[in-house]
C-alpha atoms as a PDB file:
ATOM      1  CA  MET A   1      79.833 182.208-164.367  1.00  0.00           C
ATOM      2  CA  LYS A   2      83.166 183.077-162.776  1.00  0.00           C
ATOM      3  CA  THR A   3      84.227 183.830-159.228  1.00  0.00           C
ATOM      4  CA  LYS A   4      87.740 184.803-158.184  1.00  0.00           C
ATOM      5  CA  LEU A   5      89.934 183.369-155.439  1.00  0.00           C
ATOM      6  CA  LEU A   6      93.375 184.797-154.683  1.00  0.00           C
ATOM      7  CA  LEU A   7      95.601 181.814-153.950  1.00  0.00           C
ATOM      8  CA  LEU A   8      98.470 182.490-151.561  1.00  0.00           C
ATOM      9  CA  LEU A   9     100.390 179.427-152.743  1.00  0.00           C
ATOM     10  CA  SER A  10      99.955 177.471-149.535  1.00  0.00           C
ATOM     11  CA  LEU A  11      99.371 174.452-151.747  1.00  0.00           C
ATOM     12  CA  PRO A  12     101.695 171.457-151.478  1.00  0.00           C
ATOM     13  CA  VAL A  13     103.831 172.498-154.432  1.00  0.00           C
ATOM     14  CA  ILE A  14     107.288 170.960-154.769  1.00  0.00           C
ATOM     15  CA  LEU A  15     109.537 173.881-155.617  1.00  0.00           C
ATOM     16  CA  ARG A  16     112.655 173.015-157.590  1.00  0.00           C
ATOM     17  CA  THR A  17     115.773 175.027-156.915  1.00  0.00           C
ATOM     18  CA  THR A  18     117.526 173.701-159.988  1.00  0.00           C
ATOM     19  CA  VAL A  19     116.566 173.047-163.577  1.00  0.00           C
ATOM     20  CA  VAL A  20     114.934 169.604-163.889  1.00  0.00           C
ATOM     21  CA  CYS A  21     115.193 167.700-167.180  1.00  0.00           C
ATOM     22  CA  GLY A  22     116.036 170.945-168.923  1.00  0.00           C
ATOM     23  CA  GLN A  23     113.017 172.924-167.718  1.00  0.00           C
ATOM     24  CA  SER A  24     113.569 176.361-166.302  1.00  0.00           C
ATOM     25  CA  LYS A  25     112.576 176.895-162.678  1.00  0.00           C
ATOM     26  CA  GLU A  26     109.798 179.213-163.871  1.00  0.00           C
ATOM     27  CA  VAL A  27     108.323 176.579-166.198  1.00  0.00           C
ATOM     28  CA  GLN A  28     108.575 173.870-163.539  1.00  0.00           C
ATOM     29  CA  PHE A  29     106.939 176.121-160.946  1.00  0.00           C
ATOM     30  CA  LEU A  30     104.124 177.018-163.340  1.00  0.00           C
ATOM     31  CA  ILE A  31     103.349 173.386-164.182  1.00  0.00           C
ATOM     32  CA  ASP A  32     103.736 172.052-160.618  1.00  0.00           C
ATOM     33  CA  THR A  33     101.534 174.771-159.188  1.00  0.00           C
ATOM     34  CA  THR A  34      98.878 174.325-161.865  1.00  0.00           C
ATOM     35  CA  ILE A  35      98.737 170.583-161.146  1.00  0.00           C
ATOM     36  CA  SER A  36      98.465 171.193-157.391  1.00  0.00           C
ATOM     37  CA  ILE A  37      95.606 173.659-157.863  1.00  0.00           C
ATOM     38  CA  MET A  38      93.830 171.270-160.203  1.00  0.00           C
ATOM     39  CA  GLN A  39      94.219 168.393-157.746  1.00  0.00           C
ATOM     40  CA  GLN A  40      92.639 170.407-154.940  1.00  0.00           C
ATOM     41  CA  GLN A  41      90.027 172.401-156.836  1.00  0.00           C
ATOM     42  CA  SER A  42      88.928 170.700-160.089  1.00  0.00           C
ATOM     43  CA  VAL A  43      85.369 169.424-160.146  1.00  0.00           C
ATOM     44  CA  ASN A  44      86.702 166.241-161.768  1.00  0.00           C
ATOM     45  CA  ALA A  45      89.728 165.787-159.474  1.00  0.00           C
ATOM     46  CA  LYS A  46      88.610 162.388-158.142  1.00  0.00           C
ATOM     47  CA  ALA A  47      88.654 160.888-161.633  1.00  0.00           C
ATOM     48  CA  VAL A  48      92.368 161.617-162.237  1.00  0.00           C
ATOM     49  CA  ASN A  49      95.491 159.578-161.481  1.00  0.00           C
ATOM     50  CA  TRP A  50      97.538 162.498-160.211  1.00  0.00           C
ATOM     51  CA  ALA A  51     100.838 160.651-159.768  1.00  0.00           C
ATOM     52  CA  ARG A  52     100.739 159.518-163.386  1.00  0.00           C
ATOM     53  CA  LEU A  53      99.672 162.972-164.592  1.00  0.00           C
ATOM     54  CA  GLN A  54     102.581 164.599-162.714  1.00  0.00           C
ATOM     55  CA  LYS A  55     105.015 162.109-164.262  1.00  0.00           C
ATOM     56  CA  GLU A  56     103.650 162.612-167.776  1.00  0.00           C
ATOM     57  CA  ALA A  57     103.719 166.413-167.446  1.00  0.00           C
ATOM     58  CA  LEU A  58     107.332 166.283-166.249  1.00  0.00           C
ATOM     59  CA  LYS A  59     108.291 164.206-169.276  1.00  0.00           C
ATOM     60  CA  ALA A  60     106.329 166.359-171.733  1.00  0.00           C
ATOM     61  CA  SER A  61     107.884 169.588-170.453  1.00  0.00           C
ATOM     62  CA  ALA A  62     111.469 168.346-170.732  1.00  0.00           C
ATOM     63  CA  GLY A  63     113.592 170.956-172.440  1.00  0.00           C
ATOM     64  CA  ILE A  64     111.070 173.808-172.180  1.00  0.00           C
ATOM     65  CA  THR A  65     112.806 176.909-170.890  1.00  0.00           C
ATOM     66  CA  ASP A  66     110.178 179.549-171.729  1.00  0.00           C
ATOM     67  CA  PRO A  67     106.639 179.507-170.217  1.00  0.00           C
ATOM     68  CA  TYR A  68     105.285 180.747-173.556  1.00  0.00           C
ATOM     69  CA  GLN A  69     106.258 177.334-174.991  1.00  0.00           C
ATOM     70  CA  SER A  70     104.363 175.372-172.325  1.00  0.00           C
ATOM     71  CA  GLY A  71     100.979 175.620-174.077  1.00  0.00           C
ATOM     72  CA  PRO A  72     100.837 171.958-175.235  1.00  0.00           C
ATOM     73  CA  VAL A  73     101.613 170.715-171.714  1.00  0.00           C
ATOM     74  CA  ILE A  74      99.024 172.998-170.100  1.00  0.00           C
ATOM     75  CA  ARG A  75      96.370 172.026-172.643  1.00  0.00           C
ATOM     76  CA  GLU A  76      97.060 168.368-171.922  1.00  0.00           C
ATOM     77  CA  LEU A  77      96.531 169.036-168.212  1.00  0.00           C
ATOM     78  CA  PHE A  78      93.114 170.542-168.954  1.00  0.00           C
ATOM     79  CA  ARG A  79      92.310 167.612-171.243  1.00  0.00           C
ATOM     80  CA  SER A  80      93.262 165.198-168.471  1.00  0.00           C
ATOM     81  CA  ILE A  81      90.752 166.777-166.082  1.00  0.00           C
ATOM     82  CA  ASP A  82      88.127 167.114-168.842  1.00  0.00           C
ATOM     83  CA  ASP A  83      87.890 170.888-168.437  1.00  0.00           C
ATOM     84  CA  PHE A  84      87.297 172.879-171.623  1.00  0.00           C
ATOM     85  CA  HIS A  85      85.690 175.766-169.714  1.00  0.00           C
ATOM     86  CA  GLY A  86      88.891 176.558-167.789  1.00  0.00           C
ATOM     87  CA  ARG A  87      92.113 178.119-169.056  1.00  0.00           C
ATOM     88  CA  LEU A  88      95.518 179.370-167.935  1.00  0.00           C
ATOM     89  CA  PHE A  89      96.716 182.920-168.444  1.00  0.00           C
ATOM     90  CA  TYR A  90     100.406 183.734-168.688  1.00  0.00           C
ATOM     91  CA  LYS A  91     101.145 187.416-169.217  1.00  0.00           C
ATOM     92  CA  ASP A  92      99.562 188.218-172.602  1.00  0.00           C
ATOM     93  CA  SER A  93      98.848 184.596-173.571  1.00  0.00           C
ATOM     94  CA  MET A  94      96.036 182.155-172.818  1.00  0.00           C
ATOM     95  CA  PHE A  95      96.164 178.349-172.963  1.00  0.00           C
ATOM     96  CA  GLN A  96      92.869 176.450-173.235  1.00  0.00           C
ATOM     97  CA  TRP A  97      91.843 172.967-174.313  1.00  0.00           C
ATOM     98  CA  SER A  98      89.102 172.943-176.935  1.00  0.00           C
ATOM     99  CA  HIS A  99      86.916 169.862-177.117  1.00  0.00           C
ATOM    100  CA  ASN A 100      84.224 169.230-179.699  1.00  0.00           C
ATOM    101  CA  ALA A 101      83.736 172.938-180.272  1.00  0.00           C
ATOM    102  CA  PRO A 102      80.165 173.507-181.502  1.00  0.00           C
ATOM    103  CA  VAL A 103      79.638 174.748-185.046  1.00  0.00           C
ATOM    104  CA  VAL A 104      78.138 178.235-184.884  1.00  0.00           C
ATOM    105  CA  SER A 105      76.312 179.607-187.938  1.00  0.00           C
ATOM    106  CA  ASP A 106      77.369 182.795-189.706  1.00  0.00           C
ATOM    107  CA  SER A 107      74.057 184.436-188.786  1.00  0.00           C
ATOM    108  CA  ILE A 108      74.769 183.931-185.086  1.00  0.00           C
ATOM    109  CA  LYS A 109      78.389 185.092-185.476  1.00  0.00           C
ATOM    110  CA  ASN A 110      77.279 188.229-187.297  1.00  0.00           C
ATOM    111  CA  GLU A 111      74.620 189.048-184.729  1.00  0.00           C
ATOM    112  CA  TRP A 112      77.158 188.459-181.973  1.00  0.00           C
ATOM    113  CA  LYS A 113      79.527 190.943-183.628  1.00  0.00           C
ATOM    114  CA  ASN A 114      76.723 193.501-183.709  1.00  0.00           C
ATOM    115  CA  ARG A 115      76.618 193.345-179.892  1.00  0.00           C
ATOM    116  CA  SER A 116      72.841 193.216-179.985  1.00  0.00           C
ATOM    117  CA  GLY A 117      71.245 194.107-176.659  1.00  0.00           C
ATOM    118  CA  VAL A 118      67.957 193.096-175.078  1.00  0.00           C
ATOM    119  CA  LYS A 119      65.183 193.171-177.660  1.00  0.00           C
ATOM    120  CA  THR A 120      61.411 192.946-177.301  1.00  0.00           C
ATOM    121  CA  TYR A 121      58.865 192.339-180.016  1.00  0.00           C
ATOM    122  CA  LEU A 122      55.160 191.553-180.173  1.00  0.00           C
ATOM    123  CA  VAL A 123      55.068 188.597-182.554  1.00  0.00           C
ATOM    124  CA  GLU A 124      51.271 188.435-182.436  1.00  0.00           C
ATOM    125  CA  LYS A 125      48.827 190.344-180.280  1.00  0.00           C
ATOM    126  CA  ASN A 126      49.171 187.856-177.428  1.00  0.00           C
ATOM    127  CA  ILE A 127      52.683 186.438-177.956  1.00  0.00           C
ATOM    128  CA  GLY A 128      55.811 188.283-176.884  1.00  0.00           C
ATOM    129  CA  TYR A 129      59.458 187.889-177.876  1.00  0.00           C
ATOM    130  CA  LEU A 130      62.350 188.699-175.530  1.00  0.00           C
ATOM    131  CA  ARG A 131      65.969 188.420-176.658  1.00  0.00           C
ATOM    132  CA  ILE A 132      68.509 188.098-173.839  1.00  0.00           C
ATOM    133  CA  PRO A 133      72.144 188.543-174.973  1.00  0.00           C
ATOM    134  CA  SER A 134      75.371 187.808-173.103  1.00  0.00           C
ATOM    135  CA  MET A 135      75.820 189.895-169.953  1.00  0.00           C
ATOM    136  CA  PRO A 136      79.509 190.193-168.985  1.00  0.00           C
ATOM    137  CA  TYR A 137      80.138 190.707-165.277  1.00  0.00           C
ATOM    138  CA  SER A 138      81.302 194.226-164.357  1.00  0.00           C
ATOM    139  CA  GLY A 139      80.513 194.457-160.665  1.00  0.00           C
ATOM    140  CA  ARG A 140      77.410 194.618-158.468  1.00  0.00           C
ATOM    141  CA  LYS A 141      76.188 198.008-159.685  1.00  0.00           C
ATOM    142  CA  ASP A 142      76.333 196.871-163.299  1.00  0.00           C
ATOM    143  CA  CYS A 143      74.499 193.630-162.432  1.00  0.00           C
ATOM    144  CA  ASP A 144      71.687 195.628-160.827  1.00  0.00           C
ATOM    145  CA  PHE A 145      71.482 197.865-163.884  1.00  0.00           C
ATOM    146  CA  LYS A 146      71.347 194.965-166.345  1.00  0.00           C
ATOM    147  CA  ALA A 147      68.788 193.087-164.267  1.00  0.00           C
ATOM    148  CA  GLN A 148      66.601 196.181-164.025  1.00  0.00           C
ATOM    149  CA  SER A 149      66.836 196.881-167.762  1.00  0.00           C
ATOM    150  CA  LEU A 150      65.908 193.292-168.596  1.00  0.00           C
ATOM    151  CA  ASN A 151      63.009 193.330-166.153  1.00  0.00           C
ATOM    152  CA  ASP A 152      61.746 196.617-167.576  1.00  0.00           C
ATOM    153  CA  SER A 153      61.713 194.963-171.005  1.00  0.00           C
ATOM    154  CA  LEU A 154      59.820 191.938-169.687  1.00  0.00           C
ATOM    155  CA  CYS A 155      57.292 194.212-167.957  1.00  0.00           C
ATOM    156  CA  LEU A 156      56.797 196.081-171.227  1.00  0.00           C
ATOM    157  CA  LEU A 157      55.600 192.813-172.752  1.00  0.00           C
ATOM    158  CA  LEU A 158      53.628 191.564-169.750  1.00  0.00           C
ATOM    159  CA  THR A 159      51.643 194.787-169.508  1.00  0.00           C
ATOM    160  CA  GLN A 160      50.462 194.220-173.087  1.00  0.00           C
ATOM    161  CA  ASN A 161      48.534 191.178-171.806  1.00  0.00           C
ATOM    162  CA  ILE A 162      50.562 188.555-173.624  1.00  0.00           C
ATOM    163  CA  LYS A 163      49.568 184.932-173.056  1.00  0.00           C
ATOM    164  CA  GLY A 164      52.813 183.304-174.194  1.00  0.00           C
ATOM    165  CA  LEU A 165      56.487 184.285-174.388  1.00  0.00           C
ATOM    166  CA  ILE A 166      59.512 183.399-176.529  1.00  0.00           C
ATOM    167  CA  ILE A 167      62.878 183.881-174.807  1.00  0.00           C
ATOM    168  CA  ASP A 168      65.746 183.970-177.318  1.00  0.00           C
ATOM    169  CA  LEU A 169      69.132 182.809-175.960  1.00  0.00           C
ATOM    170  CA  ARG A 170      70.701 182.006-179.321  1.00  0.00           C
ATOM    171  CA  ILE A 171      73.369 184.717-179.051  1.00  0.00           C
ATOM    172  CA  ASN A 172      73.854 184.428-175.297  1.00  0.00           C
ATOM    173  CA  GLY A 173      77.309 183.037-174.605  1.00  0.00           C
ATOM    174  CA  GLY A 174      77.204 183.666-170.873  1.00  0.00           C
ATOM    175  CA  GLY A 175      78.647 186.248-168.502  1.00  0.00           C
ATOM    176  CA  ALA A 176      76.812 186.958-165.261  1.00  0.00           C
ATOM    177  CA  MET A 177      73.846 184.707-164.474  1.00  0.00           C
ATOM    178  CA  TYR A 178      72.455 187.007-161.756  1.00  0.00           C
ATOM    179  CA  PRO A 179      70.939 189.758-163.945  1.00  0.00           C
ATOM    180  CA  MET A 180      69.636 187.255-166.503  1.00  0.00           C
ATOM    181  CA  ILE A 181      67.654 185.228-163.982  1.00  0.00           C
ATOM    182  CA  LEU A 182      66.559 188.114-161.768  1.00  0.00           C
ATOM    183  CA  GLY A 183      65.533 190.070-164.858  1.00  0.00           C
ATOM    184  CA  VAL A 184      62.747 187.563-165.576  1.00  0.00           C
ATOM    185  CA  GLU A 185      61.642 186.954-161.987  1.00  0.00           C
ATOM    186  CA  GLN A 186      57.917 187.321-162.794  1.00  0.00           C
ATOM    187  CA  LEU A 187      58.219 184.054-164.746  1.00  0.00           C
ATOM    188  CA  LEU A 188      59.763 182.016-161.924  1.00  0.00           C
ATOM    189  CA  MET A 189      58.666 180.756-158.547  1.00  0.00           C
ATOM    190  CA  HIS A 190      60.645 182.394-155.769  1.00  0.00           C
ATOM    191  CA  GLY A 191      62.831 180.404-153.407  1.00  0.00           C
ATOM    192  CA  ARG A 192      65.426 177.820-154.394  1.00  0.00           C
ATOM    193  CA  ILE A 193      65.768 177.628-158.176  1.00  0.00           C
ATOM    194  CA  GLY A 194      69.118 175.842-158.543  1.00  0.00           C
ATOM    195  CA  SER A 195      72.593 175.396-157.116  1.00  0.00           C
ATOM    196  CA  PHE A 196      76.256 174.674-157.760  1.00  0.00           C
ATOM    197  CA  GLU A 197      77.525 171.307-156.533  1.00  0.00           C
ATOM    198  CA  PRO A 198      79.973 170.107-155.393  1.00  0.00           C
ATOM    199  CA  GLY A 199      82.665 172.647-154.584  1.00  0.00           C
ATOM    200  CA  GLU A 200      80.818 175.827-153.797  1.00  0.00           C
ATOM    201  CA  ASN A 201      77.576 174.123-152.768  1.00  0.00           C
ATOM    202  CA  ALA A 202      75.953 177.504-153.398  1.00  0.00           C
ATOM    203  CA  VAL A 203      72.154 177.564-153.604  1.00  0.00           C
ATOM    204  CA  TRP A 204      70.520 180.016-156.028  1.00  0.00           C
ATOM    205  CA  TYR A 205      67.616 181.952-154.516  1.00  0.00           C
ATOM    206  CA  LEU A 206      65.060 184.371-155.923  1.00  0.00           C
ATOM    207  CA  THR A 207      63.471 186.320-153.107  1.00  0.00           C
ATOM    208  CA  ASP A 208      61.987 189.797-152.626  1.00  0.00           C
ATOM    209  CA  ASP A 209      63.283 191.119-155.963  1.00  0.00           C
ATOM    210  CA  ASP A 210      66.797 189.880-155.229  1.00  0.00           C
ATOM    211  CA  PHE A 211      69.062 187.143-156.552  1.00  0.00           C
ATOM    212  CA  ALA A 212      71.290 185.492-153.966  1.00  0.00           C
ATOM    213  CA  PHE A 213      73.761 182.683-153.436  1.00  0.00           C
ATOM    214  CA  ASP A 214      72.645 181.349-150.075  1.00  0.00           C
ATOM    215  CA  THR A 215      72.327 184.588-148.027  1.00  0.00           C
ATOM    216  CA  THR A 216      74.622 186.729-150.199  1.00  0.00           C
ATOM    217  CA  VAL A 217      72.605 189.082-152.411  1.00  0.00           C
ATOM    218  CA  LEU A 218      74.257 189.524-155.810  1.00  0.00           C
ATOM    219  CA  ALA A 219      71.670 191.628-157.687  1.00  0.00           C
ATOM    220  CA  SER A 220      68.527 193.611-156.879  1.00  0.00           C
ATOM    221  CA  ILE A 221      65.757 195.329-158.854  1.00  0.00           C
ATOM    222  CA  THR A 222      62.624 197.420-158.365  1.00  0.00           C
ATOM    223  CA  PRO A 223      60.061 195.909-160.762  1.00  0.00           C
ATOM    224  CA  LYS A 224      57.767 198.191-162.731  1.00  0.00           C
ATOM    225  CA  CYS A 225      55.067 195.511-162.858  1.00  0.00           C
ATOM    226  CA  SER A 226      53.729 192.966-160.387  1.00  0.00           C
ATOM    227  CA  ILE A 227      52.231 190.512-162.867  1.00  0.00           C
ATOM    228  CA  ASN A 228      52.508 186.858-161.892  1.00  0.00           C
ATOM    229  CA  ALA A 229      53.517 184.968-165.048  1.00  0.00           C
ATOM    230  CA  GLN A 230      54.768 181.789-163.384  1.00  0.00           C
ATOM    231  CA  HIS A 231      52.398 179.610-165.381  1.00  0.00           C
ATOM    232  CA  MET A 232      52.625 181.447-168.689  1.00  0.00           C
ATOM    233  CA  PRO A 233      53.778 179.112-171.502  1.00  0.00           C
ATOM    234  CA  VAL A 234      57.392 179.869-172.429  1.00  0.00           C
ATOM    235  CA  VAL A 235      59.571 178.685-175.308  1.00  0.00           C
ATOM    236  CA  ILE A 236      63.344 179.182-174.904  1.00  0.00           C
ATOM    237  CA  LEU A 237      65.315 179.317-178.170  1.00  0.00           C
ATOM    238  CA  THR A 238      68.798 177.778-178.030  1.00  0.00           C
ATOM    239  CA  SER A 239      71.819 177.420-180.302  1.00  0.00           C
ATOM    240  CA  PRO A 240      75.356 175.967-180.152  1.00  0.00           C
ATOM    241  CA  ALA A 241      76.433 179.419-178.917  1.00  0.00           C
ATOM    242  CA  THR A 242      74.118 179.308-175.889  1.00  0.00           C
ATOM    243  CA  GLY A 243      76.629 178.694-173.126  1.00  0.00           C
ATOM    244  CA  SER A 244      77.816 179.067-169.557  1.00  0.00           C
ATOM    245  CA  SER A 245      75.519 181.445-167.634  1.00  0.00           C
ATOM    246  CA  ALA A 246      72.919 181.134-170.394  1.00  0.00           C
ATOM    247  CA  GLU A 247      72.858 177.422-169.613  1.00  0.00           C
ATOM    248  CA  PHE A 248      72.454 178.197-165.902  1.00  0.00           C
ATOM    249  CA  PHE A 249      69.529 180.424-166.916  1.00  0.00           C
ATOM    250  CA  ILE A 250      67.981 177.386-168.608  1.00  0.00           C
ATOM    251  CA  ILE A 251      68.624 175.264-165.510  1.00  0.00           C
ATOM    252  CA  ALA A 252      66.681 177.823-163.450  1.00  0.00           C
ATOM    253  CA  PHE A 253      63.675 177.122-165.718  1.00  0.00           C
ATOM    254  CA  LYS A 254      63.941 173.337-165.369  1.00  0.00           C
ATOM    255  CA  GLY A 255      60.908 172.074-163.498  1.00  0.00           C
ATOM    256  CA  ARG A 256      58.859 175.116-164.457  1.00  0.00           C
ATOM    257  CA  PRO A 257      55.488 174.127-165.991  1.00  0.00           C
ATOM    258  CA  GLU A 258      54.657 174.891-169.629  1.00  0.00           C
ATOM    259  CA  THR A 259      58.277 175.468-170.615  1.00  0.00           C
ATOM    260  CA  VAL A 260      60.207 173.944-173.535  1.00  0.00           C
ATOM    261  CA  LEU A 261      63.554 174.407-175.248  1.00  0.00           C
ATOM    262  CA  LEU A 262      63.525 174.733-179.026  1.00  0.00           C
ATOM    263  CA  GLY A 263      66.561 174.802-181.315  1.00  0.00           C
ATOM    264  CA  SER A 264      69.974 173.122-181.041  1.00  0.00           C
ATOM    265  CA  PRO A 265      71.936 171.604-178.144  1.00  0.00           C
ATOM    266  CA  THR A 266      73.708 174.237-176.056  1.00  0.00           C
ATOM    267  CA  ALA A 267      77.486 174.766-175.843  1.00  0.00           C
ATOM    268  CA  GLY A 268      77.979 172.537-172.802  1.00  0.00           C
ATOM    269  CA  PHE A 269      79.873 174.968-170.543  1.00  0.00           C
ATOM    270  CA  ILE A 270      77.833 173.822-167.519  1.00  0.00           C
ATOM    271  CA  THR A 271      80.430 174.558-164.845  1.00  0.00           C
ATOM    272  CA  SER A 272      81.086 177.388-162.454  1.00  0.00           C
ATOM    273  CA  ILE A 273      84.670 178.574-162.834  1.00  0.00           C
ATOM    274  CA  LYS A 274      87.004 180.168-160.296  1.00  0.00           C
ATOM    275  CA  GLU A 275      90.218 182.064-160.822  1.00  0.00           C
ATOM    276  CA  PHE A 276      93.316 181.097-158.844  1.00  0.00           C
ATOM    277  CA  VAL A 277      96.260 183.505-158.961  1.00  0.00           C
ATOM    278  CA  ILE A 278      99.617 181.746-159.253  1.00  0.00           C
ATOM    279  CA  ASN A 279     101.881 184.811-159.278  1.00  0.00           C
ATOM    280  CA  ASP A 280     102.096 188.244-160.883  1.00  0.00           C
ATOM    281  CA  ALA A 281     102.440 186.674-164.339  1.00  0.00           C
ATOM    282  CA  ALA A 282     100.013 183.746-164.253  1.00  0.00           C
ATOM    283  CA  SER A 283      96.586 182.644-163.094  1.00  0.00           C
ATOM    284  CA  VAL A 284      94.390 179.649-163.799  1.00  0.00           C
ATOM    285  CA  LEU A 285      90.626 179.383-164.263  1.00  0.00           C
ATOM    286  CA  LEU A 286      89.164 176.047-163.236  1.00  0.00           C
ATOM    287  CA  SER A 287      85.772 174.402-163.379  1.00  0.00           C
ATOM    288  CA  THR A 288      84.947 173.791-159.721  1.00  0.00           C
ATOM    289  CA  SER A 289      81.262 172.779-159.719  1.00  0.00           C
ATOM    290  CA  TYR A 290      78.325 171.778-161.925  1.00  0.00           C
ATOM    291  CA  GLY A 291      74.920 173.395-162.313  1.00  0.00           C
ATOM    292  CA  VAL A 292      72.047 171.608-160.537  1.00  0.00           C
ATOM    293  CA  ASP A 293      68.333 172.272-161.047  1.00  0.00           C
ATOM    294  CA  ARG A 294      65.689 172.736-158.351  1.00  0.00           C
ATOM    295  CA  ASN A 295      64.900 169.011-158.408  1.00  0.00           C
ATOM    296  CA  GLY A 296      68.495 167.964-157.821  1.00  0.00           C
ATOM    297  CA  LYS A 297      69.422 166.944-161.367  1.00  0.00           C
ATOM    298  CA  VAL A 298      73.104 167.625-162.136  1.00  0.00           C
ATOM    299  CA  TYR A 299      74.011 168.914-165.612  1.00  0.00           C
ATOM    300  CA  LYS A 300      77.419 167.870-166.944  1.00  0.00           C
ATOM    301  CA  ALA A 301      76.981 168.205-170.704  1.00  0.00           C
ATOM    302  CA  ALA A 302      75.236 170.281-173.350  1.00  0.00           C
ATOM    303  CA  ILE A 303      71.510 170.677-172.718  1.00  0.00           C
ATOM    304  CA  LYS A 304      69.425 169.103-175.463  1.00  0.00           C
ATOM    305  CA  PRO A 305      66.307 170.897-176.724  1.00  0.00           C
ATOM    306  CA  ASP A 306      62.862 169.421-176.173  1.00  0.00           C
ATOM    307  CA  ILE A 307      62.064 170.347-179.768  1.00  0.00           C
ATOM    308  CA  PRO A 308      65.117 169.984-182.056  1.00  0.00           C
ATOM    309  CA  PHE A 309      65.001 172.607-184.783  1.00  0.00           C
ATOM    310  CA  ALA A 310      67.990 173.267-187.033  1.00  0.00           C
ATOM    311  CA  ASP A 311      66.677 175.736-189.625  1.00  0.00           C
ATOM    312  CA  LYS A 312      68.563 179.003-190.151  1.00  0.00           C
ATOM    313  CA  ASP A 313      68.206 182.024-187.880  1.00  0.00           C
ATOM    314  CA  SER A 314      66.795 185.367-189.044  1.00  0.00           C
ATOM    315  CA  PHE A 315      67.573 187.783-186.225  1.00  0.00           C
ATOM    316  CA  ASN A 316      66.688 190.881-188.261  1.00  0.00           C
ATOM    317  CA  ASP A 317      63.407 189.487-189.528  1.00  0.00           C
ATOM    318  CA  ILE A 318      61.706 188.120-186.421  1.00  0.00           C
ATOM    319  CA  PRO A 319      58.259 187.554-187.994  1.00  0.00           C
ATOM    320  CA  ASN A 320      59.863 185.272-190.592  1.00  0.00           C
ATOM    321  CA  ASP A 321      62.395 183.595-188.345  1.00  0.00           C
ATOM    322  CA  GLU A 322      61.592 179.882-188.678  1.00  0.00           C
ATOM    323  CA  LYS A 323      62.469 179.065-185.084  1.00  0.00           C
ATOM    324  CA  VAL A 324      60.229 181.882-183.877  1.00  0.00           C
ATOM    325  CA  GLY A 325      57.487 180.504-186.107  1.00  0.00           C
ATOM    326  CA  ALA A 326      57.872 177.029-184.584  1.00  0.00           C
ATOM    327  CA  ALA A 327      57.772 178.565-181.102  1.00  0.00           C
ATOM    328  CA  VAL A 328      54.566 180.444-181.936  1.00  0.00           C
ATOM    329  CA  LYS A 329      52.990 177.196-183.112  1.00  0.00           C
ATOM    330  CA  TRP A 330      53.818 175.471-179.823  1.00  0.00           C
ATOM    331  CA  LEU A 331      52.606 178.410-177.744  1.00  0.00           C
ATOM    332  CA  LYS A 332      49.245 178.514-179.497  1.00  0.00           C
ATOM    333  CA  GLN A 333      48.720 174.899-178.536  1.00  0.00           C
ATOM    334  CA  HIS A 334      49.489 175.513-174.863  1.00  0.00           C
ATOM    335  CA  MET A 335      48.354 179.000-173.869  1.00  0.00           C
ATOM    336  CA  ASN A 336      44.931 180.096-172.705  1.00  0.00           C
ATOM    337  CA  ASN A 337      43.206 182.234-175.333  1.00  0.00           C
END
């Protein structure tokens, strides 16, 4: 989940007027400014020895005269602040530190390439299936549209008198959290359902068919059903590709009764990221806060499933998908017939 902040470079950056240790002024400015932004904004800033990091970056960048060659130095900066969700953009290039990248199966990769949308299916007469894919952010109007479409799909299942629901997040790599969470509002208690801390200290609220950070409404819908499904048993399917806003979606369900995760640990991108503009050529995305559930638990790593299940995925054969089958088994043991 990304928010943008235009930085007017009022940060305490030491601007060099000459080439230092062989670096060009542009390279030195890029590295100095990135370090200053990280020091002020990174969620892990307090765990870093900034004087040592500055010294090491200066040494590592000796002789670099072209910003395109600064990738190794920038990646080391991100490694030093333990931020594999952030990245730096320079013109047409991107520098990012990858850490323990999860292994994603070919079936998930192929389904991802197909750009599969929201999908509903009646697995059995009283068990529904709802696939929620990634939902890239494209403005408020688009968020409202996606939230409404998702909620229409959920209502389609709820009005068929289902007693249990499978939510499939296996191909959801993130995007905007607002439409995902608001789109399933019949399943969640309204009020505070999570937050970002520290940094933004933004509280997530579901209220009156809206999703808001504190008092700022970010998405709205007009539900086509008014069925209260807050206590309906729910199984959420996860994979190593389930990341970022999909993980915040899971956090919103933490503390909900009769809810379990089934599958593999998630991707671990449990931070809110902000964009800071350095100049016309460069900007940096930084992790600035962690996701927190309604009970105050902070999530800083991949979310582990309640029911580990590693068998292959069969997205185009839902009735014979082994994870779906395991979810059905759990639901039958927990739903009211």
